[in-house]
Amino acid sequence: MKKQFNRMKQLANQTVGRAEKTEVLSDDLLHIERRMEAVRLVSHNTHKKMVACLQGQLGTDTEKRHKKLPLTSLSQAMQEGAGQLGDDSIIGKMMEECGEAESRLATELMHHEMQIERDILEPLNQLAEVEIPNILKQRKQLAKLVLDYDSAKTRWYQATKSSNQAMAAKVDSLKDEMDDALNKVEMCKDQLSADMYNFASMEGEYARYYVLLLEAQADFHRRSLCLLDSCKLIRYLCQSTHGGVSTHSTQAPHLKNNPETPLTPG
């Protein structure tokens, strides 16, 4: 309680300009501190928006994630519809093939989102909610230690100038208290400086998270397109299963009257 009281008293005196305030961080470190807080905030917001983009449930196992995807529900609806229409229905056969394709797309999406969670979301959350807050917590601790030092220094200085015998007798003990407070300041400052400079040196690695996001998205879309390309022969499925049916009859209605619509896959 006494230490807390001395801190508050010292802070009040510094606020009104009646006491000297010790500055322990260089301009470079103060700049890094401001940037750290900005990075923490934007990383937190980006993580939140990125999670909102996921269609699966964050942190669940593969089976549950796949089951909860809208594409999985669509696939199931198509396959159930195909079963109701039967194998002798062109629409039913198409729905069956499309349902299987949607299921494979859902699997691709599930693996993509799990990769995003592992390689981007988790490190980003670690940065915003653990690494930077821990460093900023050290910064607050340093501020408290500096107040303790300034308070001890003020009381020591007042004792050296006092004509009061009892006060003068405390000079040595107050000097020891001041030296001890200074040692604590220096130790905390050294650790904080090392952590802050390490953060600054890692900014390139943190920026890499966003490159990984684009790379993962590009890879996911390539795999999805490849999967869809392999399904282009669906339009010829009716012709192979119902030999008398014209290829044109398998086209979507809005494409029938377009003479430029290609009839071959790819």
C-alpha atoms as a PDB file:
ATOM      1  CA  MET A   1       0.000   0.000   0.000  1.00  0.00           C
ATOM      2  CA  LYS A   2       2.807   2.387   0.839  1.00  0.00           C
ATOM      3  CA  LYS A   3       4.490   1.752  -2.511  1.00  0.00           C
ATOM      4  CA  GLN A   4       1.199   2.315  -4.331  1.00  0.00           C
ATOM      5  CA  PHE A   5       0.662   5.554  -2.395  1.00  0.00           C
ATOM      6  CA  ASN A   6       4.154   6.780  -3.281  1.00  0.00           C
ATOM      7  CA  ARG A   7       3.506   5.973  -6.952  1.00  0.00           C
ATOM      8  CA  MET A   8       0.260   7.937  -6.994  1.00  0.00           C
ATOM      9  CA  LYS A   9       1.863  10.859  -5.188  1.00  0.00           C
ATOM     10  CA  GLN A  10       4.811  10.894  -7.594  1.00  0.00           C
ATOM     11  CA  LEU A  11       2.509  10.654 -10.612  1.00  0.00           C
ATOM     12  CA  ALA A  12       0.406  13.549  -9.344  1.00  0.00           C
ATOM     13  CA  ASN A  13       3.493  15.698  -8.800  1.00  0.00           C
ATOM     14  CA  GLN A  14       4.795  14.865 -12.279  1.00  0.00           C
ATOM     15  CA  THR A  15       1.418  15.675 -13.815  1.00  0.00           C
ATOM     16  CA  VAL A  16       1.412  19.205 -12.414  1.00  0.00           C
ATOM     17  CA  GLY A  17       5.104  19.687 -13.140  1.00  0.00           C
ATOM     18  CA  ARG A  18       6.347  19.673  -9.561  1.00  0.00           C
ATOM     19  CA  ALA A  19       8.513  16.582  -9.996  1.00  0.00           C
ATOM     20  CA  GLU A  20      10.988  15.410 -12.601  1.00  0.00           C
ATOM     21  CA  LYS A  21       9.998  12.451 -14.781  1.00  0.00           C
ATOM     22  CA  THR A  22      12.672   9.958 -15.825  1.00  0.00           C
ATOM     23  CA  GLU A  23      12.522   8.924 -19.500  1.00  0.00           C
ATOM     24  CA  VAL A  24      13.999   5.472 -20.025  1.00  0.00           C
ATOM     25  CA  LEU A  25      12.970   4.557 -23.588  1.00  0.00           C
ATOM     26  CA  SER A  26      14.662   5.956 -26.680  1.00  0.00           C
ATOM     27  CA  ASP A  27      12.697   7.567 -29.507  1.00  0.00           C
ATOM     28  CA  ASP A  28      13.139   4.375 -31.547  1.00  0.00           C
ATOM     29  CA  LEU A  29      11.575   2.268 -28.810  1.00  0.00           C
ATOM     30  CA  LEU A  30       8.723   4.734 -28.349  1.00  0.00           C
ATOM     31  CA  HIS A  31       8.072   4.510 -32.095  1.00  0.00           C
ATOM     32  CA  ILE A  32       8.082   0.702 -31.931  1.00  0.00           C
ATOM     33  CA  GLU A  33       5.674   0.843 -28.987  1.00  0.00           C
ATOM     34  CA  ARG A  34       3.172   2.921 -30.971  1.00  0.00           C
ATOM     35  CA  ARG A  35       3.497   0.619 -33.980  1.00  0.00           C
ATOM     36  CA  MET A  36       2.999  -2.463 -31.798  1.00  0.00           C
ATOM     37  CA  GLU A  37      -0.309  -1.154 -30.506  1.00  0.00           C
ATOM     38  CA  ALA A  38      -1.423  -0.373 -34.069  1.00  0.00           C
ATOM     39  CA  VAL A  39      -0.388  -3.850 -35.272  1.00  0.00           C
ATOM     40  CA  ARG A  40      -2.218  -5.444 -32.351  1.00  0.00           C
ATOM     41  CA  LEU A  41      -5.417  -3.598 -33.198  1.00  0.00           C
ATOM     42  CA  VAL A  42      -5.407  -4.287 -36.951  1.00  0.00           C
ATOM     43  CA  SER A  43      -4.412  -7.924 -36.406  1.00  0.00           C
ATOM     44  CA  HIS A  44      -7.289  -8.385 -33.962  1.00  0.00           C
ATOM     45  CA  ASN A  45      -9.782  -6.832 -36.399  1.00  0.00           C
ATOM     46  CA  THR A  46      -8.448  -8.797 -39.372  1.00  0.00           C
ATOM     47  CA  HIS A  47      -8.596 -12.069 -37.437  1.00  0.00           C
ATOM     48  CA  LYS A  48     -12.208 -11.349 -36.494  1.00  0.00           C
ATOM     49  CA  LYS A  49     -13.245 -10.636 -40.102  1.00  0.00           C
ATOM     50  CA  MET A  50     -11.306 -13.636 -41.409  1.00  0.00           C
ATOM     51  CA  VAL A  51     -13.089 -15.960 -38.987  1.00  0.00           C
ATOM     52  CA  ALA A  52     -16.410 -14.528 -40.201  1.00  0.00           C
ATOM     53  CA  CYS A  53     -15.478 -15.605 -43.750  1.00  0.00           C
ATOM     54  CA  LEU A  54     -15.196 -19.258 -42.754  1.00  0.00           C
ATOM     55  CA  GLN A  55     -18.142 -21.472 -43.646  1.00  0.00           C
ATOM     56  CA  GLY A  56     -17.114 -24.278 -41.287  1.00  0.00           C
ATOM     57  CA  GLN A  57     -16.953 -24.246 -37.500  1.00  0.00           C
ATOM     58  CA  LEU A  58     -13.629 -23.031 -36.130  1.00  0.00           C
ATOM     59  CA  GLY A  59     -11.714 -25.606 -34.109  1.00  0.00           C
ATOM     60  CA  THR A  60     -13.990 -28.593 -34.722  1.00  0.00           C
ATOM     61  CA  ASP A  61     -12.872 -31.953 -36.133  1.00  0.00           C
ATOM     62  CA  THR A  62     -12.984 -32.729 -39.851  1.00  0.00           C
ATOM     63  CA  GLU A  63     -16.226 -34.702 -39.754  1.00  0.00           C
ATOM     64  CA  LYS A  64     -18.152 -31.956 -37.973  1.00  0.00           C
ATOM     65  CA  ARG A  65     -16.677 -29.223 -40.171  1.00  0.00           C
ATOM     66  CA  HIS A  66     -17.611 -31.080 -43.348  1.00  0.00           C
ATOM     67  CA  LYS A  67     -21.115 -31.790 -42.073  1.00  0.00           C
ATOM     68  CA  LYS A  68     -21.813 -28.127 -41.246  1.00  0.00           C
ATOM     69  CA  LEU A  69     -20.733 -26.729 -44.618  1.00  0.00           C
ATOM     70  CA  PRO A  70     -23.548 -25.316 -46.814  1.00  0.00           C
ATOM     71  CA  LEU A  71     -22.038 -27.184 -49.781  1.00  0.00           C
ATOM     72  CA  THR A  72     -22.480 -30.446 -47.888  1.00  0.00           C
ATOM     73  CA  SER A  73     -26.152 -29.661 -47.302  1.00  0.00           C
ATOM     74  CA  LEU A  74     -26.543 -28.836 -50.995  1.00  0.00           C
ATOM     75  CA  SER A  75     -24.841 -32.090 -51.965  1.00  0.00           C
ATOM     76  CA  GLN A  76     -27.113 -34.106 -49.697  1.00  0.00           C
ATOM     77  CA  ALA A  77     -30.223 -32.376 -51.053  1.00  0.00           C
ATOM     78  CA  MET A  78     -29.176 -33.130 -54.637  1.00  0.00           C
ATOM     79  CA  GLN A  79     -28.401 -36.763 -53.921  1.00  0.00           C
ATOM     80  CA  GLU A  80     -31.673 -37.206 -52.042  1.00  0.00           C
ATOM     81  CA  GLY A  81     -33.498 -35.611 -54.980  1.00  0.00           C
ATOM     82  CA  ALA A  82     -31.727 -37.958 -57.374  1.00  0.00           C
ATOM     83  CA  GLY A  83     -32.893 -40.918 -55.317  1.00  0.00           C
ATOM     84  CA  GLN A  84     -36.472 -39.677 -55.430  1.00  0.00           C
ATOM     85  CA  LEU A  85     -36.412 -39.181 -59.208  1.00  0.00           C
ATOM     86  CA  GLY A  86     -34.720 -42.512 -59.928  1.00  0.00           C
ATOM     87  CA  ASP A  87     -32.080 -43.666 -62.414  1.00  0.00           C
ATOM     88  CA  ASP A  88     -34.435 -43.417 -65.381  1.00  0.00           C
ATOM     89  CA  SER A  89     -34.679 -39.635 -64.950  1.00  0.00           C
ATOM     90  CA  ILE A  90     -32.209 -37.384 -66.752  1.00  0.00           C
ATOM     91  CA  ILE A  91     -32.662 -34.734 -64.069  1.00  0.00           C
ATOM     92  CA  GLY A  92     -32.130 -37.316 -61.348  1.00  0.00           C
ATOM     93  CA  LYS A  93     -28.919 -38.566 -62.947  1.00  0.00           C
ATOM     94  CA  MET A  94     -27.640 -35.023 -63.330  1.00  0.00           C
ATOM     95  CA  MET A  95     -28.485 -34.240 -59.697  1.00  0.00           C
ATOM     96  CA  GLU A  96     -26.617 -37.337 -58.555  1.00  0.00           C
ATOM     97  CA  GLU A  97     -23.461 -36.373 -60.456  1.00  0.00           C
ATOM     98  CA  CYS A  98     -23.698 -32.729 -59.358  1.00  0.00           C
ATOM     99  CA  GLY A  99     -24.307 -33.791 -55.768  1.00  0.00           C
ATOM    100  CA  GLU A 100     -21.128 -35.866 -55.781  1.00  0.00           C
ATOM    101  CA  ALA A 101     -19.203 -32.937 -57.274  1.00  0.00           C
ATOM    102  CA  GLU A 102     -20.546 -30.566 -54.594  1.00  0.00           C
ATOM    103  CA  SER A 103     -19.493 -33.055 -51.917  1.00  0.00           C
ATOM    104  CA  ARG A 104     -15.957 -33.090 -53.297  1.00  0.00           C
ATOM    105  CA  LEU A 105     -15.982 -29.279 -53.412  1.00  0.00           C
ATOM    106  CA  ALA A 106     -17.075 -29.264 -49.771  1.00  0.00           C
ATOM    107  CA  THR A 107     -14.124 -31.498 -48.904  1.00  0.00           C
ATOM    108  CA  GLU A 108     -11.748 -29.133 -50.711  1.00  0.00           C
ATOM    109  CA  LEU A 109     -13.257 -26.172 -48.846  1.00  0.00           C
ATOM    110  CA  MET A 110     -12.946 -27.954 -45.508  1.00  0.00           C
ATOM    111  CA  HIS A 111      -9.238 -28.682 -46.056  1.00  0.00           C
ATOM    112  CA  HIS A 112      -8.699 -25.102 -47.249  1.00  0.00           C
ATOM    113  CA  GLU A 113     -10.307 -23.609 -44.149  1.00  0.00           C
ATOM    114  CA  MET A 114      -8.370 -25.935 -41.850  1.00  0.00           C
ATOM    115  CA  GLN A 115      -5.155 -24.765 -43.537  1.00  0.00           C
ATOM    116  CA  ILE A 116      -6.210 -21.122 -43.091  1.00  0.00           C
ATOM    117  CA  GLU A 117      -6.907 -21.755 -39.415  1.00  0.00           C
ATOM    118  CA  ARG A 118      -3.586 -23.533 -38.823  1.00  0.00           C
ATOM    119  CA  ASP A 119      -1.226 -21.350 -40.868  1.00  0.00           C
ATOM    120  CA  ILE A 120      -2.829 -17.910 -40.559  1.00  0.00           C
ATOM    121  CA  LEU A 121      -5.598 -17.544 -38.001  1.00  0.00           C
ATOM    122  CA  GLU A 122      -3.808 -19.193 -35.086  1.00  0.00           C
ATOM    123  CA  PRO A 123      -0.502 -17.271 -35.558  1.00  0.00           C
ATOM    124  CA  LEU A 124      -2.413 -14.017 -36.105  1.00  0.00           C
ATOM    125  CA  ASN A 125      -4.409 -14.564 -32.929  1.00  0.00           C
ATOM    126  CA  GLN A 126      -1.216 -15.444 -31.042  1.00  0.00           C
ATOM    127  CA  LEU A 127       0.348 -12.182 -32.209  1.00  0.00           C
ATOM    128  CA  ALA A 128      -2.647  -9.979 -31.377  1.00  0.00           C
ATOM    129  CA  GLU A 129      -3.797 -11.595 -28.138  1.00  0.00           C
ATOM    130  CA  VAL A 130      -0.607 -13.000 -26.574  1.00  0.00           C
ATOM    131  CA  GLU A 131       2.737 -11.795 -27.958  1.00  0.00           C
ATOM    132  CA  ILE A 132       2.070  -8.058 -28.272  1.00  0.00           C
ATOM    133  CA  PRO A 133      -0.029  -7.818 -25.060  1.00  0.00           C
ATOM    134  CA  ASN A 134       2.783  -9.521 -23.126  1.00  0.00           C
ATOM    135  CA  ILE A 135       5.270  -6.919 -24.343  1.00  0.00           C
ATOM    136  CA  LEU A 136       2.865  -4.076 -23.603  1.00  0.00           C
ATOM    137  CA  LYS A 137       2.347  -5.537 -20.134  1.00  0.00           C
ATOM    138  CA  GLN A 138       6.104  -5.270 -19.600  1.00  0.00           C
ATOM    139  CA  ARG A 139       5.869  -1.638 -20.709  1.00  0.00           C
ATOM    140  CA  LYS A 140       3.278  -0.943 -18.004  1.00  0.00           C
ATOM    141  CA  GLN A 141       5.451  -2.705 -15.449  1.00  0.00           C
ATOM    142  CA  LEU A 142       8.409  -0.549 -16.483  1.00  0.00           C
ATOM    143  CA  ALA A 143       6.292   2.587 -16.022  1.00  0.00           C
ATOM    144  CA  LYS A 144       5.483   1.481 -12.459  1.00  0.00           C
ATOM    145  CA  LEU A 145       9.135   0.762 -11.713  1.00  0.00           C
ATOM    146  CA  VAL A 146      10.135   4.174 -13.058  1.00  0.00           C
ATOM    147  CA  LEU A 147       7.589   5.787 -10.750  1.00  0.00           C
ATOM    148  CA  ASP A 148       9.067   3.830  -7.835  1.00  0.00           C
ATOM    149  CA  TYR A 149      12.536   5.041  -8.799  1.00  0.00           C
ATOM    150  CA  ASP A 150      11.463   8.665  -9.218  1.00  0.00           C
ATOM    151  CA  SER A 151       9.629   8.532  -5.892  1.00  0.00           C
ATOM    152  CA  ALA A 152      12.658   7.043  -4.103  1.00  0.00           C
ATOM    153  CA  LYS A 153      14.949   9.606  -5.733  1.00  0.00           C
ATOM    154  CA  THR A 154      12.668  12.473  -4.679  1.00  0.00           C
ATOM    155  CA  ARG A 155      12.535  11.261  -1.079  1.00  0.00           C
ATOM    156  CA  TRP A 156      16.306  10.726  -0.994  1.00  0.00           C
ATOM    157  CA  TYR A 157      16.943  14.203  -2.408  1.00  0.00           C
ATOM    158  CA  GLN A 158      14.586  15.781   0.138  1.00  0.00           C
ATOM    159  CA  ALA A 159      16.358  13.913   2.961  1.00  0.00           C
ATOM    160  CA  THR A 160      19.773  15.213   1.847  1.00  0.00           C
ATOM    161  CA  LYS A 161      18.475  18.789   1.933  1.00  0.00           C
ATOM    162  CA  SER A 162      16.552  18.475   5.184  1.00  0.00           C
ATOM    163  CA  SER A 163      17.784  20.012   8.416  1.00  0.00           C
ATOM    164  CA  ASN A 164      15.617  17.567  10.343  1.00  0.00           C
ATOM    165  CA  GLN A 165      17.928  15.127  12.158  1.00  0.00           C
ATOM    166  CA  ALA A 166      15.498  12.199  11.911  1.00  0.00           C
ATOM    167  CA  MET A 167      15.110  12.797   8.203  1.00  0.00           C
ATOM    168  CA  ALA A 168      18.858  13.087   7.690  1.00  0.00           C
ATOM    169  CA  ALA A 169      19.353   9.736   9.410  1.00  0.00           C
ATOM    170  CA  LYS A 170      17.323   8.085   6.651  1.00  0.00           C
ATOM    171  CA  VAL A 171      19.608   9.266   3.854  1.00  0.00           C
ATOM    172  CA  ASP A 172      21.569   6.019   3.598  1.00  0.00           C
ATOM    173  CA  SER A 173      18.501   3.774   3.639  1.00  0.00           C
ATOM    174  CA  LEU A 174      16.765   5.993   1.089  1.00  0.00           C
ATOM    175  CA  LYS A 175      19.890   5.872  -1.096  1.00  0.00           C
ATOM    176  CA  ASP A 176      19.806   2.064  -0.964  1.00  0.00           C
ATOM    177  CA  GLU A 177      16.111   2.101  -1.829  1.00  0.00           C
ATOM    178  CA  MET A 178      16.784   4.418  -4.773  1.00  0.00           C
ATOM    179  CA  ASP A 179      19.647   2.241  -6.062  1.00  0.00           C
ATOM    180  CA  ASP A 180      17.529  -0.893  -5.748  1.00  0.00           C
ATOM    181  CA  ALA A 181      14.681   0.776  -7.645  1.00  0.00           C
ATOM    182  CA  LEU A 182      17.099   1.864 -10.382  1.00  0.00           C
ATOM    183  CA  ASN A 183      18.423  -1.687 -10.767  1.00  0.00           C
ATOM    184  CA  LYS A 184      14.872  -2.975 -11.224  1.00  0.00           C
ATOM    185  CA  VAL A 185      14.236  -0.285 -13.837  1.00  0.00           C
ATOM    186  CA  GLU A 186      17.364  -1.218 -15.788  1.00  0.00           C
ATOM    187  CA  MET A 187      16.594  -4.952 -15.725  1.00  0.00           C
ATOM    188  CA  CYS A 188      13.025  -4.437 -16.909  1.00  0.00           C
ATOM    189  CA  LYS A 189      14.138  -1.915 -19.526  1.00  0.00           C
ATOM    190  CA  ASP A 190      16.760  -4.307 -20.952  1.00  0.00           C
ATOM    191  CA  GLN A 191      14.240  -7.147 -21.289  1.00  0.00           C
ATOM    192  CA  LEU A 192      11.592  -4.867 -22.748  1.00  0.00           C
ATOM    193  CA  SER A 193      14.032  -3.343 -25.243  1.00  0.00           C
ATOM    194  CA  ALA A 194      15.117  -6.795 -26.412  1.00  0.00           C
ATOM    195  CA  ASP A 195      11.510  -7.902 -26.894  1.00  0.00           C
ATOM    196  CA  MET A 196      10.538  -4.717 -28.711  1.00  0.00           C
ATOM    197  CA  TYR A 197      13.498  -4.865 -31.092  1.00  0.00           C
ATOM    198  CA  ASN A 198      12.741  -8.533 -31.695  1.00  0.00           C
ATOM    199  CA  PHE A 199       9.176  -7.581 -32.621  1.00  0.00           C
ATOM    200  CA  ALA A 200      10.471  -4.970 -35.066  1.00  0.00           C
ATOM    201  CA  SER A 201      12.793  -7.539 -36.666  1.00  0.00           C
ATOM    202  CA  MET A 202       9.875  -9.975 -37.088  1.00  0.00           C
ATOM    203  CA  GLU A 203       7.557  -7.649 -38.993  1.00  0.00           C
ATOM    204  CA  GLY A 204       8.490  -9.323 -42.266  1.00  0.00           C
ATOM    205  CA  GLU A 205       7.413 -12.689 -40.847  1.00  0.00           C
ATOM    206  CA  TYR A 206       4.137 -11.216 -39.620  1.00  0.00           C
ATOM    207  CA  ALA A 207       3.491  -9.712 -43.063  1.00  0.00           C
ATOM    208  CA  ARG A 208       4.021 -13.196 -44.504  1.00  0.00           C
ATOM    209  CA  TYR A 209       0.695 -14.302 -42.981  1.00  0.00           C
ATOM    210  CA  TYR A 210      -1.152 -12.230 -45.587  1.00  0.00           C
ATOM    211  CA  VAL A 211       0.936 -13.651 -48.429  1.00  0.00           C
ATOM    212  CA  LEU A 212       0.111 -17.149 -47.163  1.00  0.00           C
ATOM    213  CA  LEU A 213      -3.573 -16.241 -47.213  1.00  0.00           C
ATOM    214  CA  LEU A 214      -3.480 -15.297 -50.894  1.00  0.00           C
ATOM    215  CA  GLU A 215      -1.393 -18.343 -51.781  1.00  0.00           C
ATOM    216  CA  ALA A 216      -3.803 -20.651 -49.949  1.00  0.00           C
ATOM    217  CA  GLN A 217      -6.799 -19.048 -51.653  1.00  0.00           C
ATOM    218  CA  ALA A 218      -5.184 -19.346 -55.082  1.00  0.00           C
ATOM    219  CA  ASP A 219      -4.364 -23.008 -54.469  1.00  0.00           C
ATOM    220  CA  PHE A 220      -7.897 -23.717 -53.248  1.00  0.00           C
ATOM    221  CA  HIS A 221      -9.484 -22.121 -56.312  1.00  0.00           C
ATOM    222  CA  ARG A 222      -7.123 -24.003 -58.641  1.00  0.00           C
ATOM    223  CA  ARG A 223      -8.035 -27.327 -57.023  1.00  0.00           C
ATOM    224  CA  SER A 224     -11.731 -26.469 -57.138  1.00  0.00           C
ATOM    225  CA  LEU A 225     -11.529 -25.498 -60.808  1.00  0.00           C
ATOM    226  CA  CYS A 226      -9.673 -28.713 -61.612  1.00  0.00           C
ATOM    227  CA  LEU A 227     -12.408 -30.680 -59.870  1.00  0.00           C
ATOM    228  CA  LEU A 228     -15.122 -28.851 -61.811  1.00  0.00           C
ATOM    229  CA  ASP A 229     -13.253 -29.327 -65.086  1.00  0.00           C
ATOM    230  CA  SER A 230     -13.315 -33.063 -64.476  1.00  0.00           C
ATOM    231  CA  CYS A 231     -17.121 -32.855 -64.287  1.00  0.00           C
ATOM    232  CA  LYS A 232     -17.669 -31.234 -67.697  1.00  0.00           C
ATOM    233  CA  LEU A 233     -18.623 -34.574 -69.236  1.00  0.00           C
ATOM    234  CA  ILE A 234     -21.824 -34.455 -67.194  1.00  0.00           C
ATOM    235  CA  ARG A 235     -23.491 -32.702 -70.138  1.00  0.00           C
ATOM    236  CA  TYR A 236     -22.897 -35.862 -72.191  1.00  0.00           C
ATOM    237  CA  LEU A 237     -24.141 -38.204 -69.485  1.00  0.00           C
ATOM    238  CA  CYS A 238     -27.685 -38.268 -70.874  1.00  0.00           C
ATOM    239  CA  GLN A 239     -26.428 -39.148 -74.341  1.00  0.00           C
ATOM    240  CA  SER A 240     -24.382 -42.070 -73.001  1.00  0.00           C
ATOM    241  CA  THR A 241     -27.166 -43.438 -70.795  1.00  0.00           C
ATOM    242  CA  HIS A 242     -30.059 -42.630 -73.184  1.00  0.00           C
ATOM    243  CA  GLY A 243     -28.592 -43.129 -76.631  1.00  0.00           C
ATOM    244  CA  GLY A 244     -31.515 -41.548 -78.432  1.00  0.00           C
ATOM    245  CA  VAL A 245     -31.304 -38.234 -76.611  1.00  0.00           C
ATOM    246  CA  SER A 246     -29.743 -35.328 -78.499  1.00  0.00           C
ATOM    247  CA  THR A 247     -26.691 -33.618 -77.039  1.00  0.00           C
ATOM    248  CA  HIS A 248     -28.574 -30.331 -77.338  1.00  0.00           C
ATOM    249  CA  SER A 249     -31.256 -31.610 -74.983  1.00  0.00           C
ATOM    250  CA  THR A 250     -28.754 -31.749 -72.144  1.00  0.00           C
ATOM    251  CA  GLN A 251     -27.946 -28.077 -72.375  1.00  0.00           C
ATOM    252  CA  ALA A 252     -29.332 -25.627 -69.858  1.00  0.00           C
ATOM    253  CA  PRO A 253     -32.464 -23.925 -71.283  1.00  0.00           C
ATOM    254  CA  HIS A 254     -30.847 -20.473 -71.425  1.00  0.00           C
ATOM    255  CA  LEU A 255     -28.033 -21.892 -73.615  1.00  0.00           C
ATOM    256  CA  LYS A 256     -30.167 -23.733 -76.208  1.00  0.00           C
ATOM    257  CA  ASN A 257     -30.758 -20.736 -78.455  1.00  0.00           C
ATOM    258  CA  ASN A 258     -27.147 -19.547 -78.374  1.00  0.00           C
ATOM    259  CA  PRO A 259     -25.372 -20.859 -81.494  1.00  0.00           C
ATOM    260  CA  GLU A 260     -21.986 -19.807 -80.102  1.00  0.00           C
ATOM    261  CA  THR A 261     -22.235 -22.079 -77.049  1.00  0.00           C
ATOM    262  CA  PRO A 262     -19.485 -24.734 -77.357  1.00  0.00           C
ATOM    263  CA  LEU A 263     -20.642 -28.337 -77.122  1.00  0.00           C
ATOM    264  CA  THR A 264     -17.310 -29.920 -76.324  1.00  0.00           C
ATOM    265  CA  PRO A 265     -15.781 -30.037 -72.846  1.00  0.00           C
ATOM    266  CA  GLY A 266     -12.879 -27.788 -71.955  1.00  0.00           C
END
